[in-house]
C-alpha atoms as a PDB file:
ATOM      1  CA  MET A   1       0.000   0.000   0.000  1.00  0.00           C
ATOM      2  CA  HIS A   2       1.342   3.462  -0.843  1.00  0.00           C
ATOM      3  CA  ASP A   3       1.341   6.326   1.656  1.00  0.00           C
ATOM      4  CA  HIS A   4      -1.685   7.892  -0.048  1.00  0.00           C
ATOM      5  CA  ASP A   5      -3.572   4.560   0.062  1.00  0.00           C
ATOM      6  CA  GLU A   6      -4.001   4.500   3.830  1.00  0.00           C
ATOM      7  CA  ALA A   7      -7.079   2.755   5.103  1.00  0.00           C
ATOM      8  CA  PRO A   8      -9.589   5.079   6.762  1.00  0.00           C
ATOM      9  CA  VAL A   9     -11.781   4.169   9.689  1.00  0.00           C
ATOM     10  CA  GLY A  10     -13.515   0.961   8.721  1.00  0.00           C
ATOM     11  CA  GLY A  11     -10.447  -0.395   6.957  1.00  0.00           C
ATOM     12  CA  ALA A  12     -11.470  -0.094   3.297  1.00  0.00           C
ATOM     13  CA  PRO A  13      -8.497   0.871   1.123  1.00  0.00           C
ATOM     14  CA  PHE A  14      -8.809   4.079  -0.874  1.00  0.00           C
ATOM     15  CA  SER A  15      -6.900   5.568  -3.764  1.00  0.00           C
ATOM     16  CA  GLY A  16      -5.147   8.904  -3.462  1.00  0.00           C
ATOM     17  CA  ARG A  17      -8.207  10.631  -4.996  1.00  0.00           C
ATOM     18  CA  GLY A  18     -10.375   9.609  -2.026  1.00  0.00           C
ATOM     19  CA  MET A  19     -12.342   7.067  -4.033  1.00  0.00           C
ATOM     20  CA  PRO A  20     -12.580   3.395  -3.059  1.00  0.00           C
ATOM     21  CA  SER A  21      -9.938   1.278  -4.761  1.00  0.00           C
ATOM     22  CA  ALA A  22     -10.725  -1.944  -6.571  1.00  0.00           C
ATOM     23  CA  GLY A  23     -10.238  -3.869  -3.306  1.00  0.00           C
ATOM     24  CA  ALA A  24     -12.708  -1.779  -1.330  1.00  0.00           C
ATOM     25  CA  SER A  25     -15.914  -3.414  -0.184  1.00  0.00           C
ATOM     26  CA  TRP A  26     -19.309  -2.575  -1.624  1.00  0.00           C
ATOM     27  CA  ALA A  27     -20.297  -1.202   1.801  1.00  0.00           C
ATOM     28  CA  GLY A  28     -17.177   0.973   1.788  1.00  0.00           C
ATOM     29  CA  ARG A  29     -18.149   2.426  -1.576  1.00  0.00           C
ATOM     30  CA  LEU A  30     -21.665   3.151  -0.282  1.00  0.00           C
ATOM     31  CA  ALA A  31     -20.246   4.810   2.830  1.00  0.00           C
ATOM     32  CA  THR A  32     -18.456   7.330   0.612  1.00  0.00           C
ATOM     33  CA  SER A  33     -21.255   7.721  -1.898  1.00  0.00           C
ATOM     34  CA  ALA A  34     -22.259  11.152  -3.138  1.00  0.00           C
ATOM     35  CA  GLU A  35     -25.362   9.443  -4.500  1.00  0.00           C
ATOM     36  CA  GLY A  36     -26.188   8.236  -0.974  1.00  0.00           C
ATOM     37  CA  ILE A  37     -26.142  11.824   0.259  1.00  0.00           C
ATOM     38  CA  TYR A  38     -28.228  12.947  -2.692  1.00  0.00           C
ATOM     39  CA  GLY A  39     -30.725  10.113  -2.144  1.00  0.00           C
ATOM     40  CA  LEU A  40     -31.143  11.005   1.529  1.00  0.00           C
ATOM     41  CA  ILE A  41     -31.700  14.669   0.712  1.00  0.00           C
ATOM     42  CA  ILE A  42     -34.352  13.659  -1.847  1.00  0.00           C
ATOM     43  CA  VAL A  43     -36.016  11.399   0.744  1.00  0.00           C
ATOM     44  CA  ALA A  44     -36.064  14.117   3.412  1.00  0.00           C
ATOM     45  CA  GLY A  45     -37.373  16.698   0.969  1.00  0.00           C
ATOM     46  CA  MET A  46     -40.143  14.442  -0.247  1.00  0.00           C
ATOM     47  CA  ILE A  47     -41.148  13.502   3.313  1.00  0.00           C
ATOM     48  CA  VAL A  48     -41.418  17.179   4.180  1.00  0.00           C
ATOM     49  CA  VAL A  49     -43.378  18.069   1.054  1.00  0.00           C
ATOM     50  CA  SER A  50     -45.657  15.036   0.982  1.00  0.00           C
ATOM     51  CA  ARG A  51     -46.418  15.154   4.692  1.00  0.00           C
ATOM     52  CA  ASN A  52     -47.403  18.794   4.390  1.00  0.00           C
ATOM     53  CA  LEU A  53     -49.854  17.975   1.632  1.00  0.00           C
ATOM     54  CA  THR A  54     -51.169  14.606   2.830  1.00  0.00           C
ATOM     55  CA  ALA A  55     -52.396  13.001   6.015  1.00  0.00           C
ATOM     56  CA  SER A  56     -50.640   9.624   6.158  1.00  0.00           C
ATOM     57  CA  SER A  57     -47.239   7.979   6.203  1.00  0.00           C
ATOM     58  CA  GLY A  58     -48.571   5.833   3.338  1.00  0.00           C
ATOM     59  CA  ASP A  59     -48.950   8.859   1.103  1.00  0.00           C
ATOM     60  CA  ALA A  60     -45.484  10.042   2.135  1.00  0.00           C
ATOM     61  CA  LEU A  61     -44.097   6.562   1.413  1.00  0.00           C
ATOM     62  CA  ILE A  62     -45.580   6.453  -2.089  1.00  0.00           C
ATOM     63  CA  SER A  63     -44.286   9.933  -2.859  1.00  0.00           C
ATOM     64  CA  VAL A  64     -40.794   9.169  -1.515  1.00  0.00           C
ATOM     65  CA  VAL A  65     -40.425   5.789  -3.249  1.00  0.00           C
ATOM     66  CA  THR A  66     -41.730   7.084  -6.584  1.00  0.00           C
ATOM     67  CA  THR A  67     -39.456  10.126  -6.534  1.00  0.00           C
ATOM     68  CA  LEU A  68     -36.441   8.123  -5.386  1.00  0.00           C
ATOM     69  CA  LEU A  69     -36.934   5.573  -8.171  1.00  0.00           C
ATOM     70  CA  VAL A  70     -37.293   8.288 -10.822  1.00  0.00           C
ATOM     71  CA  PHE A  71     -34.124  10.034  -9.629  1.00  0.00           C
ATOM     72  CA  PHE A  72     -32.313   6.687  -9.451  1.00  0.00           C
ATOM     73  CA  ALA A  73     -33.301   5.861 -13.031  1.00  0.00           C
ATOM     74  CA  ALA A  74     -32.190   9.329 -14.172  1.00  0.00           C
ATOM     75  CA  HIS A  75     -28.843   8.897 -12.404  1.00  0.00           C
ATOM     76  CA  VAL A  76     -28.323   5.439 -13.903  1.00  0.00           C
ATOM     77  CA  TYR A  77     -29.093   6.757 -17.374  1.00  0.00           C
ATOM     78  CA  SER A  78     -26.944   9.885 -17.112  1.00  0.00           C
ATOM     79  CA  SER A  79     -24.041   7.924 -15.631  1.00  0.00           C
ATOM     80  CA  ALA A  80     -24.310   5.274 -18.358  1.00  0.00           C
ATOM     81  CA  VAL A  81     -24.446   7.810 -21.182  1.00  0.00           C
ATOM     82  CA  SER A  82     -21.544   9.871 -19.856  1.00  0.00           C
ATOM     83  CA  TRP A  83     -19.469   6.720 -19.237  1.00  0.00           C
ATOM     84  CA  MET A  84     -20.060   5.588 -22.824  1.00  0.00           C
ATOM     85  CA  ALA A  85     -19.085   9.028 -24.151  1.00  0.00           C
ATOM     86  CA  ARG A  86     -15.885   9.233 -22.063  1.00  0.00           C
ATOM     87  CA  GLY A  87     -14.395   5.943 -23.189  1.00  0.00           C
ATOM     88  CA  SER A  88     -12.251   5.672 -26.273  1.00  0.00           C
ATOM     89  CA  GLU A  89     -13.160   1.987 -26.615  1.00  0.00           C
ATOM     90  CA  ARG A  90     -16.579   0.825 -27.706  1.00  0.00           C
ATOM     91  CA  ARG A  91     -18.836  -0.013 -24.753  1.00  0.00           C
ATOM     92  CA  SER A  92     -22.126  -1.856 -24.866  1.00  0.00           C
ATOM     93  CA  LEU A  93     -25.343  -0.425 -23.494  1.00  0.00           C
ATOM     94  CA  GLY A  94     -25.479  -3.308 -20.999  1.00  0.00           C
ATOM     95  CA  GLU A  95     -21.997  -2.489 -19.686  1.00  0.00           C
ATOM     96  CA  ALA A  96     -22.891   1.178 -19.476  1.00  0.00           C
ATOM     97  CA  LEU A  97     -26.121   0.493 -17.590  1.00  0.00           C
ATOM     98  CA  ALA A  98     -24.301  -1.850 -15.183  1.00  0.00           C
ATOM     99  CA  HIS A  99     -21.782   0.941 -14.594  1.00  0.00           C
ATOM    100  CA  GLY A 100     -24.632   3.404 -14.008  1.00  0.00           C
ATOM    101  CA  VAL A 101     -26.335   1.104 -11.502  1.00  0.00           C
ATOM    102  CA  GLY A 102     -23.034   0.674  -9.659  1.00  0.00           C
ATOM    103  CA  GLU A 103     -22.484   4.428  -9.577  1.00  0.00           C
ATOM    104  CA  SER A 104     -26.029   5.190  -8.412  1.00  0.00           C
ATOM    105  CA  SER A 105     -26.849   2.311  -6.056  1.00  0.00           C
ATOM    106  CA  GLY A 106     -26.021   4.333  -2.944  1.00  0.00           C
ATOM    107  CA  MET A 107     -29.077   6.466  -3.617  1.00  0.00           C
ATOM    108  CA  ILE A 108     -31.408   3.469  -3.218  1.00  0.00           C
ATOM    109  CA  VAL A 109     -29.533   1.493  -0.568  1.00  0.00           C
ATOM    110  CA  VAL A 110     -28.981   4.352   1.876  1.00  0.00           C
ATOM    111  CA  GLY A 111     -32.388   5.873   1.109  1.00  0.00           C
ATOM    112  CA  ALA A 112     -34.040   2.561   2.027  1.00  0.00           C
ATOM    113  CA  VAL A 113     -33.609   3.142   5.772  1.00  0.00           C
ATOM    114  CA  PRO A 114     -36.061   6.071   6.055  1.00  0.00           C
ATOM    115  CA  VAL A 115     -38.349   4.296   3.571  1.00  0.00           C
ATOM    116  CA  VAL A 116     -38.533   1.247   5.857  1.00  0.00           C
ATOM    117  CA  ILE A 117     -39.364   3.518   8.792  1.00  0.00           C
ATOM    118  CA  LEU A 118     -42.212   5.077   6.797  1.00  0.00           C
ATOM    119  CA  LEU A 119     -43.390   1.547   5.980  1.00  0.00           C
ATOM    120  CA  LEU A 120     -43.612   0.868   9.734  1.00  0.00           C
ATOM    121  CA  GLY A 121     -46.111   3.719   9.880  1.00  0.00           C
ATOM    122  CA  VAL A 122     -48.087   2.271   6.975  1.00  0.00           C
ATOM    123  CA  ILE A 123     -48.429  -1.173   8.591  1.00  0.00           C
ATOM    124  CA  GLY A 124     -49.330   0.304  11.974  1.00  0.00           C
ATOM    125  CA  VAL A 125     -46.176  -0.450  13.981  1.00  0.00           C
ATOM    126  CA  LEU A 126     -45.680   3.313  14.388  1.00  0.00           C
ATOM    127  CA  ARG A 127     -48.171   6.152  14.376  1.00  0.00           C
ATOM    128  CA  ASP A 128     -48.077   8.149  11.131  1.00  0.00           C
ATOM    129  CA  ALA A 129     -46.561  11.259  12.725  1.00  0.00           C
ATOM    130  CA  ASP A 130     -43.980   9.195  14.634  1.00  0.00           C
ATOM    131  CA  ALA A 131     -42.966   7.356  11.446  1.00  0.00           C
ATOM    132  CA  VAL A 132     -42.505  10.640   9.590  1.00  0.00           C
ATOM    133  CA  TRP A 133     -40.407  12.268  12.334  1.00  0.00           C
ATOM    134  CA  LEU A 134     -38.373   9.100  12.964  1.00  0.00           C
ATOM    135  CA  ALA A 135     -37.679   8.740   9.228  1.00  0.00           C
ATOM    136  CA  LEU A 136     -36.482  12.356   9.119  1.00  0.00           C
ATOM    137  CA  GLY A 137     -34.297  11.810  12.205  1.00  0.00           C
ATOM    138  CA  ALA A 138     -32.780   8.662  10.710  1.00  0.00           C
ATOM    139  CA  ASP A 139     -32.194  10.557   7.480  1.00  0.00           C
ATOM    140  CA  VAL A 140     -30.199  13.268   9.280  1.00  0.00           C
ATOM    141  CA  MET A 141     -28.248  10.670  11.250  1.00  0.00           C
ATOM    142  CA  LEU A 142     -27.357   8.810   8.041  1.00  0.00           C
ATOM    143  CA  LEU A 143     -26.359  12.059   6.339  1.00  0.00           C
ATOM    144  CA  GLY A 144     -24.007  12.764   9.250  1.00  0.00           C
ATOM    145  CA  LEU A 145     -22.513   9.278   9.071  1.00  0.00           C
ATOM    146  CA  LEU A 146     -21.948   9.577   5.326  1.00  0.00           C
ATOM    147  CA  GLY A 147     -20.284  12.952   5.871  1.00  0.00           C
ATOM    148  CA  TRP A 148     -18.007  11.386   8.500  1.00  0.00           C
ATOM    149  CA  PHE A 149     -17.022   8.430   6.307  1.00  0.00           C
ATOM    150  CA  ILE A 150     -16.416  10.561   3.247  1.00  0.00           C
ATOM    151  CA  ALA A 151     -14.113  12.838   5.260  1.00  0.00           C
ATOM    152  CA  ALA A 152     -12.433   9.777   6.811  1.00  0.00           C
ATOM    153  CA  SER A 153     -11.583   8.573   3.319  1.00  0.00           C
ATOM    154  CA  ARG A 154      -9.578  11.775   2.792  1.00  0.00           C
ATOM    155  CA  SER A 155      -8.344  12.851   6.216  1.00  0.00           C
ATOM    156  CA  HIS A 156      -7.319  11.486   9.588  1.00  0.00           C
ATOM    157  CA  SER A 157      -8.215  14.792  11.277  1.00  0.00           C
ATOM    158  CA  LEU A 158     -11.022  14.541  13.810  1.00  0.00           C
ATOM    159  CA  TRP A 159     -11.996  18.169  13.098  1.00  0.00           C
ATOM    160  CA  VAL A 160     -12.290  17.591   9.352  1.00  0.00           C
ATOM    161  CA  ARG A 161     -14.444  14.517   9.973  1.00  0.00           C
ATOM    162  CA  LEU A 162     -16.674  16.314  12.490  1.00  0.00           C
ATOM    163  CA  GLY A 163     -17.005  19.326  10.193  1.00  0.00           C
ATOM    164  CA  SER A 164     -17.977  17.148   7.248  1.00  0.00           C
ATOM    165  CA  MET A 165     -20.449  15.242   9.418  1.00  0.00           C
ATOM    166  CA  LEU A 166     -22.091  18.456  10.630  1.00  0.00           C
ATOM    167  CA  VAL A 167     -22.284  20.088   7.198  1.00  0.00           C
ATOM    168  CA  THR A 168     -23.717  16.960   5.583  1.00  0.00           C
ATOM    169  CA  ALA A 169     -26.260  16.421   8.371  1.00  0.00           C
ATOM    170  CA  ALA A 170     -27.234  20.102   8.130  1.00  0.00           C
ATOM    171  CA  PHE A 171     -28.814  19.487   4.719  1.00  0.00           C
ATOM    172  CA  GLY A 172     -31.368  17.213   6.380  1.00  0.00           C
ATOM    173  CA  GLY A 173     -31.586  19.505   9.399  1.00  0.00           C
ATOM    174  CA  VAL A 174     -32.633  22.428   7.216  1.00  0.00           C
ATOM    175  CA  LEU A 175     -35.457  20.336   5.776  1.00  0.00           C
ATOM    176  CA  ILE A 176     -36.596  19.312   9.275  1.00  0.00           C
ATOM    177  CA  ALA A 177     -36.572  22.958  10.360  1.00  0.00           C
ATOM    178  CA  LEU A 178     -38.669  23.798   7.311  1.00  0.00           C
ATOM    179  CA  LYS A 179     -41.137  21.058   8.249  1.00  0.00           C
ATOM    180  CA  ALA A 180     -41.341  22.337  11.837  1.00  0.00           C
ATOM    181  CA  LEU A 181     -41.937  25.910  10.656  1.00  0.00           C
ATOM    182  CA  VAL A 182     -44.664  24.918   8.237  1.00  0.00           C
ATOM    183  CA  HIS A 183     -46.511  22.800  10.820  1.00  0.00           C
ATOM    184  CA  HIS A 184     -46.285  25.196  13.776  1.00  0.00           C
END
């Protein structure tokens, strides 16, 4: 391993550019996924918007899942098309789509946690309002964790990691504050 290939917290090896190397685990790639952050911000935004306009966690769930799937498909497509255009060798559509799914999977995987919490509201394990607020809280927590792991892939500084965690979590926090303002 070269000096710039040090393993961050969690042990997954990274290249000097801060991206997971070929030996990094799938979970390690998700933990440093810009798409994961984007997916969580979409989920939080849709929870806030749908809950303001509807009366149930079921309606919020449908809105969140539909929007997340549309954004995922758009990300897969745009990643596939740009990957095909960048390469000097001929690439098949299947290869390009597989690349796009790999690039975008963090959006769905990480976004699934708040979706499952909303589902608990739909099936009656949680009250609707509790499911919505818990999903938003989990969203912010996951945003913070992703911010931490992304910074850990680039720096060993505690302050850099904490700063990244706080900034990333703040995106979800702003949406929660908006929800609180609209409802009170």
